[in-house]
């Protein structure tokens, strides 16, 4: 297996654990404003990184387990958020 195919599979697997948030992007004369909607995430759970021309915003939800926990098929809504934008 080549190195590029291993990286591609790792990238696809990591994207499966995240969901893409809604966002609004506005271009101003001297800046770009991006508003990302990540319900259930506190300010300390947001990571903003730049990889070359890509901006990657990752938002981790806080996890808690209720005393009366039961599985309700909420796995999809409990996933963290990741937004990748090409600048």
PDB file of N, CA and C in Angstrom:
ATOM      1  N   UNK A   1       0.857  -1.175   0.000  1.00  0.00           N
ATOM      2  CA  UNK A   1       0.000   0.000   0.000  1.00  0.00           C
ATOM      3  C   UNK A   1       0.900   1.234   0.000  1.00  0.00           C
ATOM      4  N   UNK A   2       0.637   2.153  -0.877  1.00  0.00           N
ATOM      5  CA  UNK A   2       1.469   3.346  -0.973  1.00  0.00           C
ATOM      6  C   UNK A   2       1.158   4.315   0.156  1.00  0.00           C
ATOM      7  N   UNK A   3       2.101   5.239   0.378  1.00  0.00           N
ATOM      8  CA  UNK A   3       1.932   6.220   1.449  1.00  0.00           C
ATOM      9  C   UNK A   3       0.745   7.131   1.195  1.00  0.00           C
ATOM     10  N   UNK A   4       0.544   7.539  -0.072  1.00  0.00           N
ATOM     11  CA  UNK A   4      -0.570   8.447  -0.373  1.00  0.00           C
ATOM     12  C   UNK A   4      -1.918   7.776  -0.132  1.00  0.00           C
ATOM     13  N   UNK A   5      -2.048   6.493  -0.444  1.00  0.00           N
ATOM     14  CA  UNK A   5      -3.326   5.817  -0.208  1.00  0.00           C
ATOM     15  C   UNK A   5      -3.574   5.632   1.281  1.00  0.00           C
ATOM     16  N   UNK A   6      -2.503   5.425   2.077  1.00  0.00           N
ATOM     17  CA  UNK A   6      -2.676   5.331   3.531  1.00  0.00           C
ATOM     18  C   UNK A   6      -3.157   6.661   4.097  1.00  0.00           C
ATOM     19  N   UNK A   7      -2.572   7.773   3.619  1.00  0.00           N
ATOM     20  CA  UNK A   7      -2.991   9.093   4.096  1.00  0.00           C
ATOM     21  C   UNK A   7      -4.431   9.382   3.687  1.00  0.00           C
ATOM     22  N   UNK A   8      -4.811   8.983   2.468  1.00  0.00           N
ATOM     23  CA  UNK A   8      -6.171   9.218   1.990  1.00  0.00           C
ATOM     24  C   UNK A   8      -7.177   8.455   2.839  1.00  0.00           C
ATOM     25  N   UNK A   9      -6.876   7.206   3.179  1.00  0.00           N
ATOM     26  CA  UNK A   9      -7.787   6.417   4.007  1.00  0.00           C
ATOM     27  C   UNK A   9      -7.895   6.992   5.409  1.00  0.00           C
ATOM     28  N   UNK A  10      -6.784   7.458   5.968  1.00  0.00           N
ATOM     29  CA  UNK A  10      -6.818   8.076   7.299  1.00  0.00           C
ATOM     30  C   UNK A  10      -7.642   9.353   7.258  1.00  0.00           C
ATOM     31  N   UNK A  11      -7.509  10.145   6.179  1.00  0.00           N
ATOM     32  CA  UNK A  11      -8.280  11.381   6.040  1.00  0.00           C
ATOM     33  C   UNK A  11      -9.768  11.069   5.934  1.00  0.00           C
ATOM     34  N   UNK A  12     -10.143  10.064   5.124  1.00  0.00           N
ATOM     35  CA  UNK A  12     -11.553   9.710   4.965  1.00  0.00           C
ATOM     36  C   UNK A  12     -12.132   9.161   6.264  1.00  0.00           C
ATOM     37  N   UNK A  13     -11.353   8.377   7.004  1.00  0.00           N
ATOM     38  CA  UNK A  13     -11.823   7.838   8.284  1.00  0.00           C
ATOM     39  C   UNK A  13     -12.018   8.952   9.295  1.00  0.00           C
ATOM     40  N   UNK A  14     -11.104   9.928   9.309  1.00  0.00           N
ATOM     41  CA  UNK A  14     -11.249  11.021  10.273  1.00  0.00           C
ATOM     42  C   UNK A  14     -12.434  11.905   9.917  1.00  0.00           C
ATOM     43  N   UNK A  15     -12.728  12.079   8.618  1.00  0.00           N
ATOM     44  CA  UNK A  15     -13.886  12.870   8.216  1.00  0.00           C
ATOM     45  C   UNK A  15     -15.193  12.178   8.567  1.00  0.00           C
ATOM     46  N   UNK A  16     -15.195  10.850   8.656  1.00  0.00           N
ATOM     47  CA  UNK A  16     -16.412  10.117   9.000  1.00  0.00           C
ATOM     48  C   UNK A  16     -16.813  10.368  10.448  1.00  0.00           C
ATOM     49  N   UNK A  17     -15.876  10.762  11.289  1.00  0.00           N
ATOM     50  CA  UNK A  17     -16.178  11.012  12.694  1.00  0.00           C
ATOM     51  C   UNK A  17     -16.643  12.443  12.932  1.00  0.00           C
ATOM     52  N   UNK A  18     -16.596  13.282  11.913  1.00  0.00           N
ATOM     53  CA  UNK A  18     -17.007  14.679  12.030  1.00  0.00           C
ATOM     54  C   UNK A  18     -18.195  14.948  11.128  1.00  0.00           C
ATOM     55  N   UNK A  19     -18.882  16.038  11.405  1.00  0.00           N
ATOM     56  CA  UNK A  19     -19.907  16.513  10.474  1.00  0.00           C
ATOM     57  C   UNK A  19     -19.614  17.970  10.165  1.00  0.00           C
ATOM     58  N   UNK A  20     -20.056  18.431   9.007  1.00  0.00           N
ATOM     59  CA  UNK A  20     -19.760  19.793   8.575  1.00  0.00           C
ATOM     60  C   UNK A  20     -20.794  20.757   9.141  1.00  0.00           C
ATOM     61  N   UNK A  21     -20.333  21.815   9.803  1.00  0.00           N
ATOM     62  CA  UNK A  21     -21.285  22.785  10.356  1.00  0.00           C
ATOM     63  C   UNK A  21     -21.778  23.756   9.280  1.00  0.00           C
ATOM     64  N   UNK A  22     -22.842  24.452   9.592  1.00  0.00           N
ATOM     65  CA  UNK A  22     -23.318  25.541   8.738  1.00  0.00           C
ATOM     66  C   UNK A  22     -22.426  26.749   8.980  1.00  0.00           C
ATOM     67  N   UNK A  23     -22.234  27.552   7.943  1.00  0.00           N
ATOM     68  CA  UNK A  23     -21.397  28.737   8.105  1.00  0.00           C
ATOM     69  C   UNK A  23     -21.846  29.823   7.144  1.00  0.00           C
ATOM     70  N   UNK A  24     -21.422  31.050   7.450  1.00  0.00           N
ATOM     71  CA  UNK A  24     -21.725  32.212   6.620  1.00  0.00           C
ATOM     72  C   UNK A  24     -20.410  32.936   6.365  1.00  0.00           C
ATOM     73  N   UNK A  25     -20.136  33.248   5.131  1.00  0.00           N
ATOM     74  CA  UNK A  25     -18.882  33.894   4.751  1.00  0.00           C
ATOM     75  C   UNK A  25     -19.200  35.201   4.034  1.00  0.00           C
ATOM     76  N   UNK A  26     -18.582  36.292   4.484  1.00  0.00           N
ATOM     77  CA  UNK A  26     -18.798  37.594   3.856  1.00  0.00           C
ATOM     78  C   UNK A  26     -17.452  38.219   3.523  1.00  0.00           C
ATOM     79  N   UNK A  27     -17.345  38.702   2.309  1.00  0.00           N
ATOM     80  CA  UNK A  27     -16.111  39.323   1.864  1.00  0.00           C
ATOM     81  C   UNK A  27     -16.228  40.832   2.015  1.00  0.00           C
ATOM     82  N   UNK A  28     -15.288  41.410   2.747  1.00  0.00           N
ATOM     83  CA  UNK A  28     -15.219  42.849   2.959  1.00  0.00           C
ATOM     84  C   UNK A  28     -14.069  43.397   2.122  1.00  0.00           C
ATOM     85  N   UNK A  29     -13.959  44.716   1.972  1.00  0.00           N
ATOM     86  CA  UNK A  29     -12.872  45.266   1.146  1.00  0.00           C
ATOM     87  C   UNK A  29     -11.472  44.835   1.609  1.00  0.00           C
ATOM     88  N   UNK A  30     -11.250  44.717   2.907  1.00  0.00           N
ATOM     89  CA  UNK A  30      -9.909  44.384   3.393  1.00  0.00           C
ATOM     90  C   UNK A  30      -9.876  43.140   4.290  1.00  0.00           C
ATOM     91  N   UNK A  31     -10.953  42.362   4.313  1.00  0.00           N
ATOM     92  CA  UNK A  31     -10.994  41.174   5.179  1.00  0.00           C
ATOM     93  C   UNK A  31     -12.103  40.227   4.726  1.00  0.00           C
ATOM     94  N   UNK A  32     -12.099  39.055   5.314  1.00  0.00           N
ATOM     95  CA  UNK A  32     -13.157  38.068   5.105  1.00  0.00           C
ATOM     96  C   UNK A  32     -13.695  37.696   6.476  1.00  0.00           C
ATOM     97  N   UNK A  33     -15.006  37.720   6.646  1.00  0.00           N
ATOM     98  CA  UNK A  33     -15.640  37.354   7.904  1.00  0.00           C
ATOM     99  C   UNK A  33     -16.321  36.006   7.733  1.00  0.00           C
ATOM    100  N   UNK A  34     -15.982  35.068   8.628  1.00  0.00           N
ATOM    101  CA  UNK A  34     -16.587  33.741   8.590  1.00  0.00           C
ATOM    102  C   UNK A  34     -17.272  33.506   9.927  1.00  0.00           C
ATOM    103  N   UNK A  35     -18.560  33.197   9.887  1.00  0.00           N
ATOM    104  CA  UNK A  35     -19.319  32.855  11.086  1.00  0.00           C
ATOM    105  C   UNK A  35     -19.691  31.381  10.965  1.00  0.00           C
ATOM    106  N   UNK A  36     -19.254  30.578  11.948  1.00  0.00           N
ATOM    107  CA  UNK A  36     -19.506  29.137  11.922  1.00  0.00           C
ATOM    108  C   UNK A  36     -20.481  28.811  13.044  1.00  0.00           C
ATOM    109  N   UNK A  37     -21.542  28.079  12.717  1.00  0.00           N
ATOM    110  CA  UNK A  37     -22.577  27.720  13.682  1.00  0.00           C
ATOM    111  C   UNK A  37     -22.305  26.307  14.201  1.00  0.00           C
ATOM    112  N   UNK A  38     -21.922  26.220  15.478  1.00  0.00           N
ATOM    113  CA  UNK A  38     -21.603  24.928  16.094  1.00  0.00           C
ATOM    114  C   UNK A  38     -22.346  24.815  17.427  1.00  0.00           C
ATOM    115  N   UNK A  39     -23.627  24.477  17.392  1.00  0.00           N
ATOM    116  CA  UNK A  39     -24.400  24.376  18.630  1.00  0.00           C
ATOM    117  C   UNK A  39     -23.855  23.280  19.539  1.00  0.00           C
ATOM    118  N   UNK A  40     -23.841  23.572  20.829  1.00  0.00           N
ATOM    119  CA  UNK A  40     -23.376  22.608  21.817  1.00  0.00           C
ATOM    120  C   UNK A  40     -21.886  22.639  22.055  1.00  0.00           C
ATOM    121  N   UNK A  41     -21.192  23.632  21.473  1.00  0.00           N
ATOM    122  CA  UNK A  41     -19.740  23.732  21.627  1.00  0.00           C
ATOM    123  C   UNK A  41     -19.406  25.038  22.332  1.00  0.00           C
ATOM    124  N   UNK A  42     -18.569  24.942  23.368  1.00  0.00           N
ATOM    125  CA  UNK A  42     -18.101  26.136  24.065  1.00  0.00           C
ATOM    126  C   UNK A  42     -16.900  26.731  23.346  1.00  0.00           C
ATOM    127  N   UNK A  43     -16.543  27.953  23.703  1.00  0.00           N
ATOM    128  CA  UNK A  43     -15.420  28.634  23.057  1.00  0.00           C
ATOM    129  C   UNK A  43     -14.109  27.869  23.234  1.00  0.00           C
ATOM    130  N   UNK A  44     -13.952  27.182  24.359  1.00  0.00           N
ATOM    131  CA  UNK A  44     -12.712  26.447  24.602  1.00  0.00           C
ATOM    132  C   UNK A  44     -12.619  25.180  23.747  1.00  0.00           C
ATOM    133  N   UNK A  45     -13.704  24.764  23.110  1.00  0.00           N
ATOM    134  CA  UNK A  45     -13.699  23.564  22.290  1.00  0.00           C
ATOM    135  C   UNK A  45     -13.440  23.815  20.822  1.00  0.00           C
ATOM    136  N   UNK A  46     -13.101  25.061  20.441  1.00  0.00           N
ATOM    137  CA  UNK A  46     -12.897  25.408  19.037  1.00  0.00           C
ATOM    138  C   UNK A  46     -11.404  25.540  18.743  1.00  0.00           C
ATOM    139  N   UNK A  47     -10.966  24.871  17.674  1.00  0.00           N
ATOM    140  CA  UNK A  47      -9.583  24.964  17.210  1.00  0.00           C
ATOM    141  C   UNK A  47      -9.588  25.518  15.796  1.00  0.00           C
ATOM    142  N   UNK A  48      -8.736  26.522  15.534  1.00  0.00           N
ATOM    143  CA  UNK A  48      -8.617  27.110  14.200  1.00  0.00           C
ATOM    144  C   UNK A  48      -7.180  26.935  13.752  1.00  0.00           C
ATOM    145  N   UNK A  49      -7.004  26.275  12.607  1.00  0.00           N
ATOM    146  CA  UNK A  49      -5.665  25.992  12.097  1.00  0.00           C
ATOM    147  C   UNK A  49      -5.603  26.330  10.614  1.00  0.00           C
ATOM    148  N   UNK A  50      -4.412  26.666  10.147  1.00  0.00           N
ATOM    149  CA  UNK A  50      -4.193  26.928   8.730  1.00  0.00           C
ATOM    150  C   UNK A  50      -3.142  25.952   8.223  1.00  0.00           C
ATOM    151  N   UNK A  51      -3.466  25.273   7.129  1.00  0.00           N
ATOM    152  CA  UNK A  51      -2.557  24.354   6.457  1.00  0.00           C
ATOM    153  C   UNK A  51      -2.390  24.844   5.028  1.00  0.00           C
ATOM    154  N   UNK A  52      -1.361  25.624   4.783  1.00  0.00           N
ATOM    155  CA  UNK A  52      -1.169  26.190   3.450  1.00  0.00           C
ATOM    156  C   UNK A  52      -2.358  27.068   3.089  1.00  0.00           C
ATOM    157  N   UNK A  53      -3.037  26.777   1.962  1.00  0.00           N
ATOM    158  CA  UNK A  53      -4.190  27.600   1.567  1.00  0.00           C
ATOM    159  C   UNK A  53      -5.500  27.179   2.231  1.00  0.00           C
ATOM    160  N   UNK A  54      -5.459  26.173   3.114  1.00  0.00           N
ATOM    161  CA  UNK A  54      -6.683  25.671   3.752  1.00  0.00           C
ATOM    162  C   UNK A  54      -6.829  26.205   5.175  1.00  0.00           C
ATOM    163  N   UNK A  55      -8.044  26.565   5.524  1.00  0.00           N
ATOM    164  CA  UNK A  55      -8.396  26.942   6.890  1.00  0.00           C
ATOM    165  C   UNK A  55      -9.244  25.807   7.440  1.00  0.00           C
ATOM    166  N   UNK A  56      -8.830  25.254   8.584  1.00  0.00           N
ATOM    167  CA  UNK A  56      -9.539  24.125   9.181  1.00  0.00           C
ATOM    168  C   UNK A  56     -10.046  24.550  10.555  1.00  0.00           C
ATOM    169  N   UNK A  57     -11.356  24.463  10.736  1.00  0.00           N
ATOM    170  CA  UNK A  57     -11.984  24.801  12.015  1.00  0.00           C
ATOM    171  C   UNK A  57     -12.580  23.520  12.567  1.00  0.00           C
ATOM    172  N   UNK A  58     -12.120  23.121  13.761  1.00  0.00           N
ATOM    173  CA  UNK A  58     -12.611  21.920  14.419  1.00  0.00           C
ATOM    174  C   UNK A  58     -13.263  22.334  15.726  1.00  0.00           C
ATOM    175  N   UNK A  59     -14.463  21.842  15.982  1.00  0.00           N
ATOM    176  CA  UNK A  59     -15.198  22.178  17.209  1.00  0.00           C
ATOM    177  C   UNK A  59     -15.595  20.878  17.896  1.00  0.00           C
ATOM    178  N   UNK A  60     -15.122  20.703  19.127  1.00  0.00           N
ATOM    179  CA  UNK A  60     -15.391  19.488  19.888  1.00  0.00           C
ATOM    180  C   UNK A  60     -16.526  19.739  20.879  1.00  0.00           C
ATOM    181  N   UNK A  61     -17.561  18.907  20.814  1.00  0.00           N
ATOM    182  CA  UNK A  61     -18.667  19.009  21.758  1.00  0.00           C
ATOM    183  C   UNK A  61     -18.244  18.490  23.119  1.00  0.00           C
ATOM    184  N   UNK A  62     -18.810  19.062  24.168  1.00  0.00           N
ATOM    185  CA  UNK A  62     -18.561  18.538  25.503  1.00  0.00           C
ATOM    186  C   UNK A  62     -19.400  17.280  25.674  1.00  0.00           C
ATOM    187  N   UNK A  63     -18.813  16.291  26.293  1.00  0.00           N
ATOM    188  CA  UNK A  63     -19.488  15.008  26.478  1.00  0.00           C
ATOM    189  C   UNK A  63     -19.870  14.838  27.942  1.00  0.00           C
ATOM    190  N   UNK A  64     -21.052  14.384  28.167  1.00  0.00           N
ATOM    191  CA  UNK A  64     -21.464  14.024  29.515  1.00  0.00           C
ATOM    192  C   UNK A  64     -22.409  12.836  29.411  1.00  0.00           C
ATOM    193  N   UNK A  65     -22.394  12.012  30.427  1.00  0.00           N
ATOM    194  CA  UNK A  65     -23.244  10.823  30.450  1.00  0.00           C
ATOM    195  C   UNK A  65     -24.271  11.011  31.559  1.00  0.00           C
ATOM    196  N   UNK A  66     -25.521  10.914  31.192  1.00  0.00           N
ATOM    197  CA  UNK A  66     -26.589  11.061  32.182  1.00  0.00           C
ATOM    198  C   UNK A  66     -26.692   9.804  33.038  1.00  0.00           C
ATOM    199  N   UNK A  67     -27.220   9.953  34.223  1.00  0.00           N
ATOM    200  CA  UNK A  67     -27.388   8.826  35.131  1.00  0.00           C
ATOM    201  C   UNK A  67     -28.350   7.799  34.533  1.00  0.00           C
ATOM    202  N   UNK A  68     -29.398   8.279  33.890  1.00  0.00           N
ATOM    203  CA  UNK A  68     -30.402   7.385  33.298  1.00  0.00           C
ATOM    204  C   UNK A  68     -30.157   7.210  31.799  1.00  0.00           C
ATOM    205  N   UNK A  69     -28.907   7.030  31.399  1.00  0.00           N
ATOM    206  CA  UNK A  69     -28.527   6.950  29.990  1.00  0.00           C
ATOM    207  C   UNK A  69     -29.158   5.745  29.310  1.00  0.00           C
ATOM    208  N   UNK A  70     -29.684   5.994  28.108  1.00  0.00           N
ATOM    209  CA  UNK A  70     -30.182   4.939  27.230  1.00  0.00           C
ATOM    210  C   UNK A  70     -29.792   5.303  25.807  1.00  0.00           C
ATOM    211  N   UNK A  71     -29.485   4.313  24.983  1.00  0.00           N
ATOM    212  CA  UNK A  71     -29.145   4.567  23.595  1.00  0.00           C
ATOM    213  C   UNK A  71     -30.365   5.037  22.820  1.00  0.00           C
ATOM    214  N   UNK A  72     -30.267   6.175  22.167  1.00  0.00           N
ATOM    215  CA  UNK A  72     -31.396   6.719  21.405  1.00  0.00           C
ATOM    216  C   UNK A  72     -31.018   7.013  19.961  1.00  0.00           C
ATOM    217  N   UNK A  73     -29.966   6.342  19.463  1.00  0.00           N
ATOM    218  CA  UNK A  73     -29.482   6.583  18.101  1.00  0.00           C
ATOM    219  C   UNK A  73     -29.119   8.048  17.874  1.00  0.00           C
ATOM    220  N   UNK A  74     -28.469   8.644  18.843  1.00  0.00           N
ATOM    221  CA  UNK A  74     -28.047  10.031  18.734  1.00  0.00           C
ATOM    222  C   UNK A  74     -26.594  10.160  18.314  1.00  0.00           C
ATOM    223  N   UNK A  75     -25.978   9.065  17.865  1.00  0.00           N
ATOM    224  CA  UNK A  75     -24.561   9.110  17.541  1.00  0.00           C
ATOM    225  C   UNK A  75     -24.252  10.156  16.477  1.00  0.00           C
ATOM    226  N   UNK A  76     -25.120  10.292  15.482  1.00  0.00           N
ATOM    227  CA  UNK A  76     -24.886  11.266  14.427  1.00  0.00           C
ATOM    228  C   UNK A  76     -24.915  12.690  14.917  1.00  0.00           C
ATOM    229  N   UNK A  77     -25.803  13.012  15.825  1.00  0.00           N
ATOM    230  CA  UNK A  77     -25.895  14.380  16.322  1.00  0.00           C
ATOM    231  C   UNK A  77     -24.854  14.670  17.390  1.00  0.00           C
ATOM    232  N   UNK A  78     -24.199  13.640  17.918  1.00  0.00           N
ATOM    233  CA  UNK A  78     -23.181  13.840  18.941  1.00  0.00           C
ATOM    234  C   UNK A  78     -21.783  13.986  18.350  1.00  0.00           C
ATOM    235  N   UNK A  79     -21.647  13.865  17.033  1.00  0.00           N
ATOM    236  CA  UNK A  79     -20.334  13.992  16.409  1.00  0.00           C
ATOM    237  C   UNK A  79     -19.824  15.424  16.498  1.00  0.00           C
ATOM    238  N   UNK A  80     -18.506  15.561  16.529  1.00  0.00           N
ATOM    239  CA  UNK A  80     -17.875  16.877  16.530  1.00  0.00           C
ATOM    240  C   UNK A  80     -17.969  17.478  15.129  1.00  0.00           C
ATOM    241  N   UNK A  81     -17.642  18.772  15.032  1.00  0.00           N
ATOM    242  CA  UNK A  81     -17.729  19.491  13.767  1.00  0.00           C
ATOM    243  C   UNK A  81     -16.337  19.726  13.192  1.00  0.00           C
ATOM    244  N   UNK A  82     -16.241  19.697  11.867  1.00  0.00           N
ATOM    245  CA  UNK A  82     -15.005  20.099  11.188  1.00  0.00           C
ATOM    246  C   UNK A  82     -15.386  20.773   9.882  1.00  0.00           C
ATOM    247  N   UNK A  83     -14.799  21.970   9.680  1.00  0.00           N
ATOM    248  CA  UNK A  83     -15.034  22.735   8.452  1.00  0.00           C
ATOM    249  C   UNK A  83     -13.675  23.012   7.818  1.00  0.00           C
ATOM    250  N   UNK A  84     -13.534  22.637   6.556  1.00  0.00           N
ATOM    251  CA  UNK A  84     -12.281  22.875   5.812  1.00  0.00           C
ATOM    252  C   UNK A  84     -12.605  23.798   4.640  1.00  0.00           C
ATOM    253  N   UNK A  85     -11.986  24.971   4.615  1.00  0.00           N
ATOM    254  CA  UNK A  85     -12.219  25.955   3.551  1.00  0.00           C
ATOM    255  C   UNK A  85     -10.918  26.263   2.843  1.00  0.00           C
ATOM    256  N   UNK A  86     -10.991  26.387   1.534  1.00  0.00           N
ATOM    257  CA  UNK A  86      -9.830  26.806   0.745  1.00  0.00           C
ATOM    258  C   UNK A  86      -9.884  28.319   0.646  1.00  0.00           C
ATOM    259  N   UNK A  87      -8.844  28.991   1.111  1.00  0.00           N
ATOM    260  CA  UNK A  87      -8.835  30.463   1.111  1.00  0.00           C
ATOM    261  C   UNK A  87      -8.347  31.015  -0.210  1.00  0.00           C
TER     262      UNK A  87
END
